[in-house]
Protein backbone atom coordinates (compact mmCIF):
# COMPACT_ATOMS: atom_id res chain seq x y z
CA MET A 1 29.64 25.34 5.86
CA VAL A 2 27.59 25.17 2.45
CA ASP A 3 29.69 28.11 1.36
CA VAL A 4 32.54 25.71 1.81
CA LEU A 5 31.32 22.73 0.22
CA MET A 6 30.11 24.65 -3.12
CA GLN A 7 33.74 26.00 -3.22
CA LEU A 8 34.86 22.32 -3.30
CA ALA A 9 32.10 21.32 -5.68
CA ASP A 10 33.83 24.23 -8.27
CA ASP A 11 37.24 22.61 -7.62
CA PRO A 12 38.38 20.99 -10.68
CA SER A 13 41.94 19.59 -8.52
CA LEU A 14 39.10 17.05 -6.50
CA GLU A 15 39.83 13.60 -7.62
CA VAL A 16 35.62 13.08 -6.28
CA LYS A 17 34.10 15.04 -7.80
CA LEU A 18 31.18 16.90 -5.32
CA GLN A 19 27.88 17.47 -7.33
CA ARG A 20 25.14 20.38 -5.78
CA GLU A 21 23.11 17.41 -5.59
CA HIS A 22 25.35 15.90 -2.73
CA ILE A 23 25.20 19.16 -1.43
CA LYS A 24 21.53 19.20 -1.33
CA ALA A 25 21.14 15.57 -0.15
CA LEU A 26 23.62 16.45 3.14
CA ILE A 27 21.55 19.87 4.40
CA GLN A 28 18.25 17.70 3.67
CA THR A 29 20.37 14.59 5.82
CA ILE A 30 20.51 16.90 8.65
CA SER A 31 17.52 18.41 8.64
CA VAL A 32 15.70 15.07 8.98
CA GLU A 33 18.33 14.16 11.49
CA TRP A 34 17.38 16.59 13.90
CA ALA A 35 13.56 16.17 13.60
CA MET A 36 14.26 12.19 14.17
CA SER A 37 16.25 13.48 17.55
CA GLU A 38 13.19 15.61 18.67
CA LEU A 39 10.72 12.61 17.43
CA LEU A 40 13.34 10.76 20.06
CA LYS A 41 12.63 13.01 22.89
CA ASN A 42 8.51 12.75 22.48
CA PRO A 43 7.20 9.80 22.47
CA GLY A 44 3.35 10.70 22.32
CA ALA A 45 4.11 12.60 19.03
CA ILE A 46 5.28 9.39 17.27
CA GLN A 47 2.57 7.74 18.31
CA LYS A 48 0.36 10.68 16.90
CA ALA A 49 2.31 11.03 13.61
CA THR A 50 2.08 6.97 13.62
CA GLU A 51 -1.74 7.33 13.84
CA GLU A 52 -2.25 9.96 11.50
CA LEU A 53 0.17 7.46 8.70
CA ASP A 54 -1.98 4.93 9.57
CA ARG A 55 -5.43 6.49 8.84
CA VAL A 56 -4.26 8.25 5.72
CA ILE A 57 -1.66 5.84 4.19
CA GLU A 58 -1.81 2.51 3.15
CA ARG A 59 0.42 -0.34 4.36
CA ASP A 60 1.29 -1.52 1.01
CA ARG A 61 2.78 1.95 -0.35
CA GLY A 62 4.72 4.87 0.71
CA VAL A 63 4.19 8.53 1.20
CA GLU A 64 3.91 10.35 -1.98
CA GLU A 65 3.53 14.48 -1.86
CA LYS A 66 0.38 14.20 -2.75
CA ASP A 67 -0.70 12.65 0.70
CA ILE A 68 1.23 15.94 2.29
CA VAL A 69 -2.26 17.74 2.31
CA ASN A 70 -3.60 15.61 4.13
CA LEU A 71 -1.07 15.30 7.02
CA PRO A 72 -1.16 18.52 9.30
CA TYR A 73 0.26 16.68 12.34
CA ILE A 74 3.53 15.45 9.68
CA GLU A 75 3.64 18.67 8.45
CA ALA A 76 3.32 20.74 11.94
CA ILE A 77 6.21 18.61 12.82
CA VAL A 78 8.34 19.14 9.42
CA LYS A 79 7.48 23.07 10.47
CA ARG A 80 8.27 23.01 13.86
CA ASN A 81 11.37 21.50 12.93
CA ASP A 82 12.45 24.16 10.46
CA ALA A 83 11.82 26.79 13.17
CA SER A 84 13.40 24.94 15.74
CA HIS A 85 16.63 24.60 13.75
CA PRO A 86 16.92 26.48 11.07
CA MET A 87 19.71 26.11 7.82
CA ALA A 88 20.57 29.69 8.01
CA PRO A 89 23.27 29.33 9.82
CA LEU A 90 24.22 27.14 7.89
CA LEU A 91 23.85 29.28 4.52
CA VAL A 92 26.10 32.24 6.05
CA PRO A 93 29.76 32.50 4.59
C-alpha cells in the first residue's frame, strides 16, 4: 500500500499532488484508528488512561511530547497497539 502511494506521489500526471507528508499522516491515522478501536473494546483501559491523563496533564493544555515520560500507561497502550497491529504488512511491496 505504501509503495503504491509513493508511486502516486511521484506521478506528475496526477491532477492533485500527493505529498509524502500525506502518506505519513495516512499511516499515522490508521494506527490511531486501530488503537481507538481496541480501547473501545476495553472500557477499563480507557478509564485508567483517562485517570493517568487527569493526574499528569493539566486540563487547560494538551499533551506534549515531553509528557510521554510521565504517561507510562498511555505509552504501554501505544506499544501494545504497534505490536498488535504492525504497519509492516503495508510496507511489503
